[in-house]
Protein backbone atom coordinates (compact mmCIF):
# COMPACT_ATOMS: atom_id res chain seq x y z
CA MET A 1 -2.14 -1.60 4.69
CA LYS A 2 -5.75 -1.44 3.56
CA ARG A 3 -6.46 -1.19 -0.16
CA ARG A 4 -7.96 2.32 -0.24
CA GLU A 5 -5.32 3.65 2.12
CA PHE A 6 -2.66 2.23 -0.16
CA PHE A 7 -4.06 4.00 -3.22
CA LYS A 8 -4.44 7.25 -1.29
CA ARG A 9 -0.91 7.28 0.05
CA SER A 10 1.02 5.85 -2.89
CA PHE A 11 2.66 7.99 -5.54
CA LEU A 12 2.23 7.35 -9.24
CA ILE A 13 4.46 4.77 -10.85
CA GLY A 14 5.50 5.83 -14.33
CA ALA A 15 7.35 5.46 -17.54
CA GLY A 16 9.33 8.54 -16.68
CA PHE A 17 12.53 6.62 -16.00
CA SER A 18 14.60 6.63 -19.16
CA PHE A 19 15.20 2.92 -18.72
CA LEU A 20 11.53 1.86 -18.64
CA PRO A 21 9.97 0.48 -21.82
CA VAL A 22 8.09 3.12 -23.77
CA SER A 23 4.65 2.30 -25.13
CA ARG A 24 2.37 4.67 -26.99
CA PHE A 25 -0.46 2.92 -25.15
CA CYS A 26 0.83 3.78 -21.67
CA LEU A 27 -1.75 4.98 -19.21
CA PRO A 28 -1.89 8.80 -18.95
CA GLU A 29 -1.48 8.56 -15.18
CA LEU A 30 1.83 6.76 -15.70
CA ALA A 31 3.48 9.83 -17.19
CA ALA A 32 4.75 11.19 -13.88
CA THR A 33 8.34 10.45 -12.91
CA PRO A 34 8.59 8.63 -9.56
CA THR A 35 11.70 8.61 -7.39
CA THR A 36 11.66 4.82 -7.23
CA SER A 37 10.61 1.83 -9.32
CA ARG A 38 7.73 -0.23 -7.99
CA VAL A 39 7.63 -4.00 -7.65
CA VAL A 40 4.47 -5.60 -6.31
CA GLU A 41 4.83 -8.89 -4.45
CA ILE A 42 1.31 -10.18 -3.95
CA THR A 43 0.55 -13.39 -2.06
CA HIS A 44 -2.53 -15.52 -1.55
CA PRO A 45 -1.86 -18.04 1.26
CA LYS A 46 -4.93 -20.11 0.35
CA ILE A 47 -4.30 -20.33 -3.38
CA ARG A 48 -3.67 -24.08 -3.31
CA THR A 49 -6.34 -26.76 -3.44
CA GLY A 50 -6.02 -30.52 -3.28
CA SER A 51 -5.74 -30.64 -7.06
CA GLY A 52 -3.34 -27.72 -7.53
CA ILE A 53 -3.81 -23.97 -7.95
CA ASP A 54 -7.24 -22.42 -7.42
CA SER A 55 -8.19 -20.44 -10.52
CA SER A 56 -10.28 -17.78 -8.78
CA SER A 57 -7.52 -17.11 -6.23
CA LEU A 58 -4.95 -16.78 -9.00
CA GLU A 59 -7.26 -14.33 -10.77
CA GLN A 60 -7.27 -12.23 -7.61
CA LEU A 61 -3.48 -12.24 -7.51
CA LEU A 62 -3.23 -11.13 -11.14
CA ASP A 63 -5.95 -8.48 -11.11
CA GLN A 64 -5.18 -6.98 -7.73
CA GLY A 65 -1.46 -7.13 -8.41
CA LEU A 66 -1.97 -4.97 -11.49
CA SER A 67 -4.25 -2.67 -9.52
CA TYR A 68 -1.52 -2.03 -6.96
CA LEU A 69 1.16 -1.69 -9.62
CA TYR A 70 -0.75 0.91 -11.63
CA GLN A 71 -2.82 2.36 -8.77
CA THR A 72 -6.20 1.88 -10.33
CA GLU A 73 -9.22 -0.06 -9.16
CA ASN A 74 -10.02 -0.98 -12.77
CA PRO A 75 -7.35 -3.49 -13.88
CA ARG A 76 -9.17 -4.12 -17.17
CA HIS A 77 -8.38 -0.54 -18.12
CA ILE A 78 -4.68 -1.35 -17.80
CA TRP A 79 -4.82 -4.04 -20.46
CA SER A 80 -6.66 -1.79 -22.90
CA GLN A 81 -4.09 0.97 -22.41
CA LEU A 82 -0.98 -1.21 -22.63
CA PHE A 83 -2.13 -3.11 -25.71
CA SER A 84 -4.14 -2.27 -28.82
CA LYS A 85 -6.45 -4.57 -30.78
CA ASN A 86 -3.88 -4.57 -33.56
CA ASP A 87 -0.99 -5.79 -31.41
CA VAL A 88 0.52 -9.23 -31.78
CA VAL A 89 1.33 -10.07 -28.17
CA GLY A 90 4.04 -12.60 -27.36
CA ILE A 91 3.91 -14.23 -23.93
CA LYS A 92 7.48 -15.26 -23.10
CA VAL A 93 7.28 -18.17 -20.69
CA ASN A 94 10.02 -20.21 -19.01
CA CYS A 95 9.57 -23.95 -19.54
CA LEU A 96 12.91 -25.59 -18.84
CA SER A 97 11.76 -27.67 -15.88
CA GLY A 98 8.47 -29.42 -16.65
CA GLU A 99 5.11 -28.41 -15.25
CA LYS A 100 6.18 -28.05 -11.62
CA ALA A 101 8.87 -25.39 -12.06
CA SER A 102 7.81 -23.71 -15.31
CA THR A 103 5.47 -20.81 -15.96
CA HIS A 104 2.11 -22.16 -14.86
CA LYS A 105 -0.25 -22.77 -17.75
CA LEU A 106 -3.19 -21.51 -15.69
CA LEU A 107 -1.50 -18.13 -15.21
CA VAL A 108 -0.89 -17.83 -18.95
CA GLU A 109 -4.52 -18.74 -19.66
CA LEU A 110 -5.70 -15.93 -17.37
CA ILE A 111 -3.41 -13.45 -19.13
CA ILE A 112 -4.78 -14.61 -22.49
CA GLU A 113 -8.37 -14.15 -21.28
CA ARG A 114 -7.63 -10.54 -20.42
CA LEU A 115 -6.03 -9.86 -23.78
CA GLN A 116 -9.02 -11.38 -25.55
CA ARG A 117 -11.43 -9.26 -23.50
CA ILE A 118 -9.93 -6.08 -24.94
CA GLY A 119 -10.39 -7.37 -28.48
CA ILE A 120 -7.06 -8.97 -29.37
CA PRO A 121 -7.80 -11.95 -31.67
CA SER A 122 -6.65 -15.36 -30.47
CA GLY A 123 -4.34 -15.69 -33.47
CA ASN A 124 -2.56 -12.51 -32.44
CA ILE A 125 -1.48 -14.05 -29.14
CA ILE A 126 1.66 -16.21 -29.14
CA ILE A 127 3.04 -18.30 -26.27
CA TRP A 128 6.74 -18.85 -26.94
CA ASP A 129 9.96 -20.21 -25.55
CA ARG A 130 13.16 -21.68 -26.91
CA LEU A 131 12.12 -25.25 -27.75
CA ASN A 132 8.88 -27.04 -28.57
CA LYS A 133 9.80 -29.93 -26.28
CA ASP A 134 10.19 -27.56 -23.33
CA LEU A 135 6.76 -26.06 -23.95
CA GLU A 136 5.18 -29.49 -24.26
CA SER A 137 6.88 -30.72 -21.07
CA ALA A 138 5.21 -27.83 -19.22
CA GLY A 139 1.76 -28.76 -20.54
CA TYR A 140 1.46 -26.41 -23.52
CA SER A 141 0.18 -27.59 -26.91
CA ILE A 142 2.13 -26.59 -30.01
CA ASN A 143 0.18 -24.61 -32.61
CA GLN A 144 2.12 -22.71 -35.23
CA THR A 145 -0.37 -22.15 -38.04
CA ASN A 146 -3.98 -22.17 -36.85
CA ARG A 147 -4.84 -18.46 -36.55
CA ASN A 148 -8.24 -19.24 -35.06
CA LYS A 149 -6.49 -20.26 -31.85
CA VAL A 150 -3.72 -18.93 -29.66
CA ARG A 151 -0.42 -19.90 -31.25
CA CYS A 152 2.31 -21.64 -29.29
CA PHE A 153 5.74 -22.67 -30.51
CA GLY A 154 9.46 -22.66 -29.86
CA ASN A 155 12.29 -21.01 -31.71
CA ASP A 156 13.16 -24.38 -33.23
CA THR A 157 9.88 -24.13 -35.15
CA ILE A 158 9.92 -20.49 -36.22
CA GLY A 159 13.68 -20.04 -36.63
CA TYR A 160 15.96 -17.05 -36.09
CA ASP A 161 16.38 -13.78 -37.94
CA ASP A 162 19.38 -13.83 -40.29
CA ARG A 163 20.86 -10.64 -38.86
CA LEU A 164 23.50 -10.78 -36.13
CA TYR A 165 22.49 -8.50 -33.27
CA ILE A 166 25.52 -7.17 -31.37
CA ASN A 167 25.71 -5.23 -28.13
CA GLY A 168 28.71 -5.14 -25.83
CA SER A 169 29.70 -8.71 -25.00
CA VAL A 170 26.76 -10.30 -26.82
CA GLY A 171 26.41 -11.24 -30.49
CA SER A 172 23.37 -13.40 -31.27
CA LEU A 173 20.65 -14.30 -33.71
CA ILE A 174 17.22 -13.45 -32.30
CA THR A 175 14.08 -15.53 -32.73
CA ARG A 176 11.75 -14.43 -35.51
CA THR A 177 8.96 -14.53 -32.96
CA LEU A 178 10.47 -11.39 -31.49
CA THR A 179 11.90 -9.74 -34.63
CA ASP A 180 9.10 -10.38 -37.12
CA LEU A 181 5.89 -11.44 -35.39
CA CYS A 182 5.37 -9.77 -32.02
CA THR A 183 4.71 -6.08 -31.60
CA ALA A 184 4.52 -6.41 -27.81
CA VAL A 185 5.77 -8.84 -25.17
CA ILE A 186 4.59 -9.88 -21.73
CA ASN A 187 7.51 -11.45 -19.90
CA VAL A 188 6.39 -14.27 -17.58
CA PRO A 189 9.51 -15.78 -15.94
CA VAL A 190 9.73 -18.02 -12.88
CA LEU A 191 11.34 -17.14 -9.53
CA LYS A 192 14.24 -19.54 -9.10
CA ASP A 193 17.87 -20.08 -8.33
CA HIS A 194 20.39 -20.70 -11.10
CA GLY A 195 23.44 -22.86 -10.48
CA ILE A 196 25.72 -20.69 -12.63
CA VAL A 197 24.38 -17.10 -12.74
CA GLY A 198 22.73 -16.99 -9.30
CA VAL A 199 19.13 -16.33 -10.22
CA THR A 200 17.07 -16.61 -13.38
CA LEU A 201 14.25 -14.07 -13.56
CA SER A 202 13.03 -11.44 -16.02
CA MET A 203 16.30 -10.46 -17.75
CA LYS A 204 17.71 -13.98 -17.92
CA ASN A 205 14.40 -15.21 -19.40
CA PHE A 206 15.41 -13.58 -22.71
CA PHE A 207 18.23 -16.10 -23.07
CA GLY A 208 15.33 -18.07 -24.54
CA ALA A 209 15.18 -15.55 -27.40
CA ILE A 210 18.68 -16.17 -28.82
CA HIS A 211 20.41 -19.00 -30.63
CA ASN A 212 23.54 -19.20 -28.45
CA PRO A 213 22.70 -18.73 -24.74
CA ASN A 214 25.31 -21.32 -23.80
CA LYS A 215 28.03 -18.75 -24.59
CA TYR A 216 26.90 -16.26 -21.97
CA HIS A 217 27.11 -17.98 -18.61
CA HIS A 218 30.75 -17.12 -17.85
CA GLN A 219 31.44 -14.89 -14.83
CA ALA A 220 27.98 -15.67 -13.47
CA GLY A 221 26.44 -14.10 -16.57
CA ASN A 222 28.04 -10.71 -16.05
CA PRO A 223 27.81 -8.55 -18.16
CA TYR A 224 26.14 -10.83 -20.73
CA VAL A 225 22.62 -10.87 -19.27
CA ALA A 226 22.58 -7.08 -18.98
CA ASP A 227 24.01 -6.59 -22.48
CA LEU A 228 21.32 -8.82 -23.96
CA TYR A 229 18.57 -7.04 -22.03
CA GLU A 230 19.86 -3.75 -23.42
CA PHE A 231 18.85 -4.68 -26.98
CA PRO A 232 16.26 -2.06 -28.06
CA LEU A 233 14.19 -4.86 -29.60
CA ILE A 234 13.69 -6.39 -26.16
CA ARG A 235 13.29 -3.20 -24.15
CA GLN A 236 10.86 -1.49 -26.52
CA LYS A 237 8.57 -4.47 -26.97
CA THR A 238 8.41 -5.65 -23.36
CA ARG A 239 5.48 -3.82 -21.77
CA LEU A 240 4.90 -5.82 -18.61
CA THR A 241 6.65 -8.43 -16.46
CA ILE A 242 4.65 -10.89 -14.38
CA CYS A 243 6.91 -13.27 -12.48
CA ASP A 244 5.44 -16.63 -11.51
CA ALA A 245 6.42 -17.21 -7.89
CA LEU A 246 3.71 -19.73 -7.08
CA GLU A 247 6.40 -22.39 -6.69
CA ALA A 248 9.82 -20.84 -6.08
CA GLN A 249 13.26 -22.43 -5.80
CA TYR A 250 16.24 -21.25 -3.76
CA GLU A 251 18.89 -23.84 -4.68
CA GLY A 252 19.75 -26.31 -7.44
CA GLY A 253 18.15 -24.47 -10.36
CA PRO A 254 17.31 -24.17 -13.12
CA PRO A 255 16.19 -27.87 -13.10
CA PHE A 256 13.37 -28.52 -10.68
CA LYS A 257 14.60 -29.76 -7.31
CA PRO A 258 11.65 -30.36 -4.96
CA GLN A 259 13.90 -30.52 -1.89
CA TRP A 260 14.89 -26.87 -2.49
CA SER A 261 11.53 -25.50 -3.59
CA TRP A 262 8.76 -23.94 -1.57
CA PRO A 263 5.15 -22.84 -2.21
CA MET A 264 5.58 -19.07 -2.14
CA ASN A 265 2.05 -18.60 -3.53
CA SER A 266 2.92 -15.22 -5.05
CA LEU A 267 3.24 -13.16 -8.19
CA LEU A 268 5.77 -10.37 -8.70
CA LEU A 269 4.67 -7.60 -11.06
CA ALA A 270 6.68 -4.71 -12.48
CA VAL A 271 7.30 -2.49 -15.46
CA ASP A 272 10.99 -2.31 -14.56
CA GLY A 273 12.44 -5.79 -15.07
CA VAL A 274 15.74 -4.90 -13.41
CA ALA A 275 13.96 -3.82 -10.23
CA LEU A 276 11.95 -7.05 -10.28
CA ASP A 277 15.15 -9.07 -10.61
CA ARG A 278 16.74 -7.21 -7.70
CA VAL A 279 13.72 -7.97 -5.51
CA GLY A 280 13.70 -11.61 -6.65
CA TRP A 281 17.39 -11.90 -5.81
CA GLU A 282 16.68 -10.61 -2.30
CA ILE A 283 13.80 -13.06 -1.84
CA ILE A 284 16.05 -15.97 -2.78
CA GLU A 285 18.85 -14.74 -0.50
CA ASN A 286 16.40 -14.46 2.40
CA LYS A 287 15.13 -17.97 1.79
CA ARG A 288 18.68 -19.33 1.56
CA LYS A 289 19.48 -17.73 4.90
CA GLU A 290 16.33 -19.22 6.43
CA MET A 291 17.35 -22.67 5.16
CA ASN A 292 20.98 -22.30 6.33
CA ARG A 293 22.42 -22.13 2.82
CA PRO A 294 25.43 -19.91 1.95
CA THR A 295 24.78 -16.58 0.27
CA LEU A 296 25.05 -16.52 -3.50
CA LYS A 297 28.26 -14.55 -3.14
CA GLU A 298 29.70 -17.23 -0.85
CA ALA A 299 28.57 -19.83 -3.38
CA GLY A 300 30.53 -17.98 -6.10
CA ARG A 301 27.53 -16.99 -8.20
CA GLN A 302 26.26 -13.65 -7.03
CA PRO A 303 24.15 -12.18 -9.88
CA GLU A 304 26.30 -9.11 -10.49
CA TYR A 305 24.65 -8.72 -13.88
CA ILE A 306 21.66 -7.18 -12.10
CA LEU A 307 23.87 -4.47 -10.64
CA THR A 308 25.51 -4.02 -14.05
CA ALA A 309 22.09 -3.47 -15.60
CA GLY A 310 21.47 -0.75 -13.03
CA LYS A 311 24.77 0.93 -13.87
CA LYS A 312 23.81 0.80 -17.56
CA ASN A 313 20.58 2.65 -16.65
CA LEU A 314 18.40 -0.24 -17.82
CA GLY A 315 16.46 -0.28 -14.56
CA GLN A 316 16.73 0.25 -10.84
CA SER A 317 19.12 -2.17 -9.09
CA ASP A 318 19.46 -0.28 -5.79
CA LEU A 319 17.13 -2.06 -3.40
CA LYS A 320 16.76 1.11 -1.29
CA LYS A 321 15.30 2.95 -4.28
CA ILE A 322 12.78 0.28 -5.22
CA ASP A 323 9.22 0.67 -4.00
CA TRP A 324 8.75 -2.95 -2.97
CA GLN A 325 5.09 -3.45 -2.07
CA LYS A 326 4.25 -6.64 -0.20
CA ILE A 327 0.54 -7.42 -0.34
CA ASN A 328 -1.19 -10.35 1.40
CA LEU A 329 -4.71 -11.16 0.29
């Protein structure tokens, strides 16, 4: 579908679903209530160069992905509406698997550039994950105190809030990065298989926000992942999810297994993290079928927590009701 035809024919995506995060900076045109949630899967087949990922091609993926998601030809306007100059924006990355299978540093740098362009000071941008060593293994440099630069640190540096947050099956301490520092969050997970809970995408990425994620992998993470994602602190602060699917993995995760990875060369973008997870689950299932692997259900780790999140009205988990847009540049 051509770009202008897409914008002409598409309906408005919005924050009208009760389960979508509410931001006072939401675009006015997002106020309408759609009948489905939108997930944009945008791919650039020539994004790779001999030395890695081409920066200009990745910029196209990010900017045009947001354009399709919000149906505007001015993606810069999106950033200025979703975030204010006074926000402290936390970029939640996933860095458990070294540089190859973690949130790409180049993608995070492009997100930071766009936040800085709308006037957010460097010191008000925080890259965070669970542990400093994980961030460093993925190529990030730790900076906790220098407010003249983008900060970057793990929960082991900043610590956890003293309060015990309880919801359903989950009782956890939450990182102070989320409770005390950030007013807004951009969730930047990675598209990959998980050997216990099936897939690890946007909802599961917030296991990196709590002190005891090891307790919540029973029953393939159901209902634990959904119960954690239901915390108002997470839902209200998360304004955008950009899933790194440049290098995806369909088996053997979360550690990086090159024999089960493939260069998908894509980003997935959504406001509704549950819908994004449902689409990501389907992508992994399709790849497993292509590679003659059993389904996740047959493997005993179907990610039922995604369906549970849908039943809890945290997002759209019915694939038929998700507006899954596949864009090839």
